[in-house]
Amino acid sequence: MMRVQPIRTKADHQAAMAQIEKLWDAAPGSEDADMLEVLAVLVEAYENEHVEILPPDPIDAILFSMEQRGMARADLQEVLGVSRGRLSEVLSGKRGLSKAMIHRLVDQLDIPAEILIQPAR
C-alpha cells in the first residue's frame, strides 16, 4: 500500500496518478477504494493550485456539441443562418463568430457564451 502524503511536486503528482490508475477498479468499500478516494482528493487539491485549465477553443466546443447532438454541417448552417461558405470560414477560424451567431449557439446548442467569445486558437 502506498504511503499517503501531500502532493508537493510534479513527481509526487505523477506517482499519485499512477497509483490511482492501479486502484481505479477497486471494489466499493474496500481499503483500495478508500485509498483511491483519498488520492483523488489530494490530486484535485494539487491540480486546483498548480494546473491551469484553459477553456475549450470555441470551434472545438461547437464541433463537440454538434457531434453530441448528431448534427451535420447543414444543421449548424441552419442554426446560424449563414451560407455554406460563411460556415466554412467560421469553422476554419478564418472568420470570427458574430454576436448573432453567439446568441444562437448559446440558445440552441447550450454552449456557454464565455467559451464562444474567446478568439479561436
N, C-alpha and C. Protein backbone atom coordinates (compact mmCIF):
# COMPACT_ATOMS: atom_id res chain seq x y z
N MET A 1 0.85 -1.18 0.00
CA MET A 1 0.00 0.00 0.00
C MET A 1 0.89 1.24 0.00
N MET A 2 0.50 2.21 -0.77
CA MET A 2 1.24 3.46 -0.89
C MET A 2 1.11 4.29 0.39
N ARG A 3 2.19 4.93 0.76
CA ARG A 3 2.16 5.84 1.91
C ARG A 3 1.47 7.12 1.45
N VAL A 4 0.51 7.58 2.19
CA VAL A 4 -0.24 8.79 1.84
C VAL A 4 0.51 10.00 2.36
N GLN A 5 0.73 10.96 1.46
CA GLN A 5 1.42 12.19 1.83
C GLN A 5 0.92 13.30 0.93
N PRO A 6 1.12 14.55 1.33
CA PRO A 6 0.70 15.66 0.46
C PRO A 6 1.44 15.60 -0.88
N ILE A 7 0.77 16.10 -1.90
CA ILE A 7 1.38 16.17 -3.22
C ILE A 7 1.98 17.56 -3.36
N ARG A 8 3.31 17.61 -3.45
CA ARG A 8 4.00 18.90 -3.49
C ARG A 8 4.73 19.17 -4.80
N THR A 9 5.04 18.12 -5.55
CA THR A 9 5.83 18.28 -6.77
C THR A 9 5.17 17.55 -7.93
N LYS A 10 5.69 17.81 -9.13
CA LYS A 10 5.19 17.09 -10.31
C LYS A 10 5.43 15.59 -10.16
N ALA A 11 6.57 15.24 -9.59
CA ALA A 11 6.89 13.82 -9.39
C ALA A 11 5.88 13.18 -8.43
N ASP A 12 5.54 13.89 -7.34
CA ASP A 12 4.51 13.38 -6.41
C ASP A 12 3.18 13.20 -7.15
N HIS A 13 2.86 14.17 -7.99
CA HIS A 13 1.61 14.13 -8.75
C HIS A 13 1.59 12.92 -9.68
N GLN A 14 2.68 12.71 -10.40
CA GLN A 14 2.76 11.57 -11.32
C GLN A 14 2.65 10.25 -10.57
N ALA A 15 3.28 10.16 -9.41
CA ALA A 15 3.22 8.93 -8.62
C ALA A 15 1.79 8.69 -8.14
N ALA A 16 1.13 9.74 -7.70
CA ALA A 16 -0.26 9.60 -7.25
C ALA A 16 -1.18 9.19 -8.40
N MET A 17 -0.96 9.77 -9.57
CA MET A 17 -1.77 9.41 -10.74
C MET A 17 -1.55 7.95 -11.13
N ALA A 18 -0.33 7.49 -11.06
CA ALA A 18 -0.03 6.08 -11.37
C ALA A 18 -0.73 5.16 -10.36
N GLN A 19 -0.73 5.55 -9.10
CA GLN A 19 -1.41 4.75 -8.07
C GLN A 19 -2.92 4.76 -8.29
N ILE A 20 -3.47 5.91 -8.66
CA ILE A 20 -4.91 5.99 -8.95
C ILE A 20 -5.27 5.04 -10.08
N GLU A 21 -4.44 5.01 -11.10
CA GLU A 21 -4.71 4.11 -12.23
C GLU A 21 -4.75 2.66 -11.78
N LYS A 22 -3.84 2.28 -10.89
CA LYS A 22 -3.81 0.90 -10.37
C LYS A 22 -5.05 0.59 -9.52
N LEU A 23 -5.55 1.60 -8.83
CA LEU A 23 -6.67 1.38 -7.91
C LEU A 23 -8.03 1.64 -8.55
N TRP A 24 -8.06 2.04 -9.79
CA TRP A 24 -9.28 2.52 -10.43
C TRP A 24 -10.48 1.58 -10.30
N ASP A 25 -10.25 0.28 -10.40
CA ASP A 25 -11.36 -0.68 -10.36
C ASP A 25 -11.54 -1.30 -8.97
N ALA A 26 -11.12 -0.59 -7.95
CA ALA A 26 -11.24 -1.11 -6.58
C ALA A 26 -12.71 -1.34 -6.22
N ALA A 27 -12.94 -2.40 -5.47
CA ALA A 27 -14.30 -2.72 -5.04
C ALA A 27 -14.78 -1.67 -4.04
N PRO A 28 -15.99 -1.17 -4.22
CA PRO A 28 -16.53 -0.18 -3.29
C PRO A 28 -16.47 -0.69 -1.84
N GLY A 29 -16.06 0.22 -0.95
CA GLY A 29 -15.98 -0.15 0.46
C GLY A 29 -14.69 -0.82 0.88
N SER A 30 -13.83 -1.13 -0.09
CA SER A 30 -12.56 -1.80 0.23
C SER A 30 -11.51 -0.77 0.65
N GLU A 31 -10.41 -1.26 1.23
CA GLU A 31 -9.30 -0.37 1.59
C GLU A 31 -8.76 0.32 0.34
N ASP A 32 -8.69 -0.42 -0.76
CA ASP A 32 -8.20 0.18 -2.01
C ASP A 32 -9.12 1.30 -2.48
N ALA A 33 -10.42 1.12 -2.31
CA ALA A 33 -11.37 2.17 -2.70
C ALA A 33 -11.19 3.40 -1.82
N ASP A 34 -10.94 3.17 -0.52
CA ASP A 34 -10.68 4.30 0.39
C ASP A 34 -9.41 5.04 -0.03
N MET A 35 -8.36 4.28 -0.38
CA MET A 35 -7.10 4.89 -0.81
C MET A 35 -7.32 5.68 -2.10
N LEU A 36 -8.10 5.13 -3.02
CA LEU A 36 -8.42 5.81 -4.27
C LEU A 36 -9.10 7.15 -3.99
N GLU A 37 -10.04 7.15 -3.08
CA GLU A 37 -10.75 8.38 -2.75
C GLU A 37 -9.82 9.43 -2.14
N VAL A 38 -8.95 9.01 -1.25
CA VAL A 38 -8.00 9.94 -0.62
C VAL A 38 -7.04 10.51 -1.67
N LEU A 39 -6.52 9.65 -2.52
CA LEU A 39 -5.61 10.12 -3.57
C LEU A 39 -6.30 11.09 -4.52
N ALA A 40 -7.55 10.80 -4.86
CA ALA A 40 -8.30 11.69 -5.76
C ALA A 40 -8.45 13.08 -5.14
N VAL A 41 -8.70 13.15 -3.84
CA VAL A 41 -8.82 14.43 -3.15
C VAL A 41 -7.48 15.17 -3.17
N LEU A 42 -6.40 14.45 -2.90
CA LEU A 42 -5.07 15.08 -2.90
C LEU A 42 -4.69 15.58 -4.29
N VAL A 43 -4.97 14.78 -5.31
CA VAL A 43 -4.66 15.18 -6.68
C VAL A 43 -5.48 16.40 -7.08
N GLU A 44 -6.75 16.39 -6.74
CA GLU A 44 -7.61 17.54 -7.07
C GLU A 44 -7.09 18.82 -6.41
N ALA A 45 -6.70 18.73 -5.16
CA ALA A 45 -6.17 19.90 -4.45
C ALA A 45 -4.90 20.41 -5.13
N TYR A 46 -4.01 19.49 -5.49
CA TYR A 46 -2.77 19.88 -6.16
C TYR A 46 -3.07 20.53 -7.51
N GLU A 47 -3.94 19.91 -8.29
CA GLU A 47 -4.25 20.42 -9.63
C GLU A 47 -4.96 21.77 -9.56
N ASN A 48 -5.83 21.96 -8.58
CA ASN A 48 -6.51 23.25 -8.44
C ASN A 48 -5.52 24.38 -8.21
N GLU A 49 -4.43 24.07 -7.54
CA GLU A 49 -3.44 25.10 -7.23
C GLU A 49 -2.34 25.24 -8.29
N HIS A 50 -2.01 24.14 -9.00
CA HIS A 50 -0.83 24.15 -9.86
C HIS A 50 -1.08 23.94 -11.36
N VAL A 51 -2.28 23.54 -11.72
CA VAL A 51 -2.55 23.24 -13.13
C VAL A 51 -3.60 24.20 -13.66
N GLU A 52 -3.21 24.99 -14.66
CA GLU A 52 -4.16 25.91 -15.29
C GLU A 52 -4.96 25.16 -16.34
N ILE A 53 -6.26 25.19 -16.18
CA ILE A 53 -7.14 24.53 -17.14
C ILE A 53 -7.75 25.61 -18.03
N LEU A 54 -7.36 25.59 -19.27
CA LEU A 54 -7.85 26.58 -20.22
C LEU A 54 -9.24 26.20 -20.72
N PRO A 55 -10.08 27.19 -20.97
CA PRO A 55 -11.39 26.87 -21.54
C PRO A 55 -11.20 26.30 -22.95
N PRO A 56 -12.16 25.52 -23.40
CA PRO A 56 -12.02 24.94 -24.74
C PRO A 56 -12.04 26.01 -25.83
N ASP A 57 -11.42 25.69 -26.94
CA ASP A 57 -11.46 26.55 -28.12
C ASP A 57 -12.92 26.64 -28.59
N PRO A 58 -13.39 27.82 -29.00
CA PRO A 58 -14.79 27.95 -29.42
C PRO A 58 -15.17 27.00 -30.55
N ILE A 59 -14.32 26.85 -31.53
CA ILE A 59 -14.65 25.97 -32.65
C ILE A 59 -14.70 24.51 -32.19
N ASP A 60 -13.76 24.12 -31.34
CA ASP A 60 -13.79 22.76 -30.78
C ASP A 60 -15.08 22.53 -30.00
N ALA A 61 -15.52 23.54 -29.25
CA ALA A 61 -16.75 23.42 -28.48
C ALA A 61 -17.96 23.26 -29.40
N ILE A 62 -17.98 24.00 -30.49
CA ILE A 62 -19.08 23.88 -31.45
C ILE A 62 -19.08 22.49 -32.08
N LEU A 63 -17.91 22.04 -32.53
CA LEU A 63 -17.82 20.72 -33.17
C LEU A 63 -18.19 19.62 -32.19
N PHE A 64 -17.76 19.73 -30.94
CA PHE A 64 -18.11 18.73 -29.93
C PHE A 64 -19.62 18.71 -29.71
N SER A 65 -20.23 19.89 -29.59
CA SER A 65 -21.67 19.97 -29.38
C SER A 65 -22.43 19.37 -30.57
N MET A 66 -21.93 19.65 -31.78
CA MET A 66 -22.56 19.06 -32.97
C MET A 66 -22.48 17.55 -32.93
N GLU A 67 -21.32 17.03 -32.59
CA GLU A 67 -21.12 15.58 -32.53
C GLU A 67 -22.05 14.94 -31.51
N GLN A 68 -22.16 15.57 -30.33
CA GLN A 68 -23.02 15.05 -29.27
C GLN A 68 -24.49 15.02 -29.69
N ARG A 69 -24.88 15.93 -30.55
CA ARG A 69 -26.27 16.02 -30.99
C ARG A 69 -26.52 15.31 -32.33
N GLY A 70 -25.47 14.76 -32.90
CA GLY A 70 -25.61 14.10 -34.19
C GLY A 70 -25.92 15.07 -35.31
N MET A 71 -25.40 16.29 -35.20
CA MET A 71 -25.68 17.32 -36.20
C MET A 71 -24.68 17.28 -37.34
N ALA A 72 -25.15 17.60 -38.51
CA ALA A 72 -24.30 17.77 -39.69
C ALA A 72 -24.03 19.26 -39.87
N ARG A 73 -23.10 19.57 -40.76
CA ARG A 73 -22.79 20.98 -41.04
C ARG A 73 -24.04 21.73 -41.53
N ALA A 74 -24.86 21.05 -42.30
CA ALA A 74 -26.09 21.69 -42.80
C ALA A 74 -27.00 22.10 -41.64
N ASP A 75 -27.03 21.29 -40.59
CA ASP A 75 -27.83 21.63 -39.41
C ASP A 75 -27.27 22.88 -38.73
N LEU A 76 -25.95 22.95 -38.60
CA LEU A 76 -25.32 24.11 -37.98
C LEU A 76 -25.53 25.35 -38.85
N GLN A 77 -25.47 25.17 -40.13
CA GLN A 77 -25.70 26.27 -41.07
C GLN A 77 -27.09 26.86 -40.83
N GLU A 78 -28.07 25.98 -40.62
CA GLU A 78 -29.43 26.43 -40.36
C GLU A 78 -29.53 27.14 -39.02
N VAL A 79 -28.87 26.60 -37.99
CA VAL A 79 -28.87 27.23 -36.66
C VAL A 79 -28.30 28.64 -36.74
N LEU A 80 -27.19 28.77 -37.45
CA LEU A 80 -26.50 30.07 -37.52
C LEU A 80 -27.12 31.01 -38.55
N GLY A 81 -27.87 30.48 -39.50
CA GLY A 81 -28.48 31.31 -40.53
C GLY A 81 -27.45 31.89 -41.48
N VAL A 82 -26.46 31.07 -41.85
CA VAL A 82 -25.38 31.54 -42.73
C VAL A 82 -25.27 30.63 -43.94
N SER A 83 -24.52 31.12 -44.94
CA SER A 83 -24.27 30.31 -46.14
C SER A 83 -23.22 29.24 -45.82
N ARG A 84 -23.11 28.27 -46.72
CA ARG A 84 -22.08 27.22 -46.55
C ARG A 84 -20.69 27.82 -46.51
N GLY A 85 -20.45 28.81 -47.38
CA GLY A 85 -19.15 29.46 -47.43
C GLY A 85 -18.81 30.17 -46.13
N ARG A 86 -19.78 30.88 -45.57
CA ARG A 86 -19.57 31.60 -44.30
C ARG A 86 -19.33 30.58 -43.18
N LEU A 87 -20.10 29.51 -43.17
CA LEU A 87 -19.90 28.47 -42.16
C LEU A 87 -18.50 27.88 -42.25
N SER A 88 -18.06 27.62 -43.45
CA SER A 88 -16.72 27.08 -43.65
C SER A 88 -15.65 28.03 -43.12
N GLU A 89 -15.83 29.32 -43.36
CA GLU A 89 -14.87 30.33 -42.86
C GLU A 89 -14.85 30.35 -41.34
N VAL A 90 -16.01 30.23 -40.73
CA VAL A 90 -16.09 30.25 -39.26
C VAL A 90 -15.43 29.01 -38.69
N LEU A 91 -15.77 27.84 -39.23
CA LEU A 91 -15.23 26.59 -38.68
C LEU A 91 -13.73 26.43 -38.95
N SER A 92 -13.22 27.10 -39.97
CA SER A 92 -11.78 27.03 -40.24
C SER A 92 -11.00 28.09 -39.47
N GLY A 93 -11.73 28.97 -38.77
CA GLY A 93 -11.07 30.02 -37.99
C GLY A 93 -10.71 31.26 -38.79
N LYS A 94 -11.12 31.29 -40.06
CA LYS A 94 -10.82 32.47 -40.89
C LYS A 94 -11.72 33.65 -40.56
N ARG A 95 -12.87 33.36 -39.99
CA ARG A 95 -13.83 34.41 -39.63
C ARG A 95 -14.33 34.12 -38.22
N GLY A 96 -14.43 35.17 -37.43
CA GLY A 96 -14.92 35.02 -36.06
C GLY A 96 -16.42 34.88 -36.01
N LEU A 97 -16.89 34.51 -34.85
CA LEU A 97 -18.33 34.42 -34.62
C LEU A 97 -18.91 35.82 -34.41
N SER A 98 -20.03 36.08 -35.03
CA SER A 98 -20.71 37.36 -34.81
C SER A 98 -21.52 37.26 -33.52
N LYS A 99 -21.99 38.41 -33.02
CA LYS A 99 -22.83 38.40 -31.83
C LYS A 99 -24.08 37.57 -32.05
N ALA A 100 -24.67 37.72 -33.24
CA ALA A 100 -25.89 36.96 -33.54
C ALA A 100 -25.61 35.46 -33.54
N MET A 101 -24.47 35.05 -34.09
CA MET A 101 -24.12 33.63 -34.09
C MET A 101 -23.94 33.12 -32.67
N ILE A 102 -23.26 33.91 -31.85
CA ILE A 102 -23.03 33.52 -30.45
C ILE A 102 -24.36 33.35 -29.73
N HIS A 103 -25.28 34.28 -29.93
CA HIS A 103 -26.61 34.17 -29.29
C HIS A 103 -27.32 32.89 -29.73
N ARG A 104 -27.25 32.58 -30.99
CA ARG A 104 -27.92 31.37 -31.50
C ARG A 104 -27.28 30.11 -30.93
N LEU A 105 -25.96 30.09 -30.85
CA LEU A 105 -25.26 28.92 -30.32
C LEU A 105 -25.55 28.73 -28.83
N VAL A 106 -25.63 29.83 -28.11
CA VAL A 106 -25.97 29.75 -26.68
C VAL A 106 -27.39 29.22 -26.53
N ASP A 107 -28.33 29.79 -27.28
CA ASP A 107 -29.74 29.42 -27.17
C ASP A 107 -30.03 28.01 -27.66
N GLN A 108 -29.43 27.62 -28.79
CA GLN A 108 -29.82 26.37 -29.41
C GLN A 108 -28.89 25.20 -29.13
N LEU A 109 -27.63 25.47 -28.82
CA LEU A 109 -26.69 24.37 -28.55
C LEU A 109 -26.20 24.37 -27.11
N ASP A 110 -26.67 25.32 -26.32
CA ASP A 110 -26.30 25.41 -24.90
C ASP A 110 -24.80 25.50 -24.66
N ILE A 111 -24.09 26.17 -25.56
CA ILE A 111 -22.66 26.40 -25.37
C ILE A 111 -22.52 27.71 -24.60
N PRO A 112 -21.79 27.71 -23.49
CA PRO A 112 -21.66 28.95 -22.71
C PRO A 112 -21.02 30.08 -23.52
N ALA A 113 -21.56 31.27 -23.36
CA ALA A 113 -21.06 32.44 -24.09
C ALA A 113 -19.60 32.71 -23.78
N GLU A 114 -19.16 32.40 -22.53
CA GLU A 114 -17.77 32.64 -22.15
C GLU A 114 -16.80 31.88 -23.04
N ILE A 115 -17.23 30.73 -23.51
CA ILE A 115 -16.39 29.92 -24.40
C ILE A 115 -16.40 30.52 -25.80
N LEU A 116 -17.57 30.94 -26.26
CA LEU A 116 -17.72 31.41 -27.64
C LEU A 116 -17.11 32.77 -27.91
N ILE A 117 -16.96 33.60 -26.90
CA ILE A 117 -16.44 34.95 -27.13
C ILE A 117 -14.92 35.00 -27.20
N GLN A 118 -14.26 33.89 -26.88
CA GLN A 118 -12.80 33.85 -26.99
C GLN A 118 -12.37 33.79 -28.46
N PRO A 119 -11.19 34.27 -28.76
CA PRO A 119 -10.68 34.08 -30.12
C PRO A 119 -10.35 32.61 -30.34
N ALA A 120 -10.58 32.12 -31.55
CA ALA A 120 -10.23 30.73 -31.88
C ALA A 120 -8.73 30.56 -31.85
N ARG A 121 -8.27 29.39 -31.38
CA ARG A 121 -6.82 29.12 -31.32
C ARG A 121 -6.34 28.47 -32.57
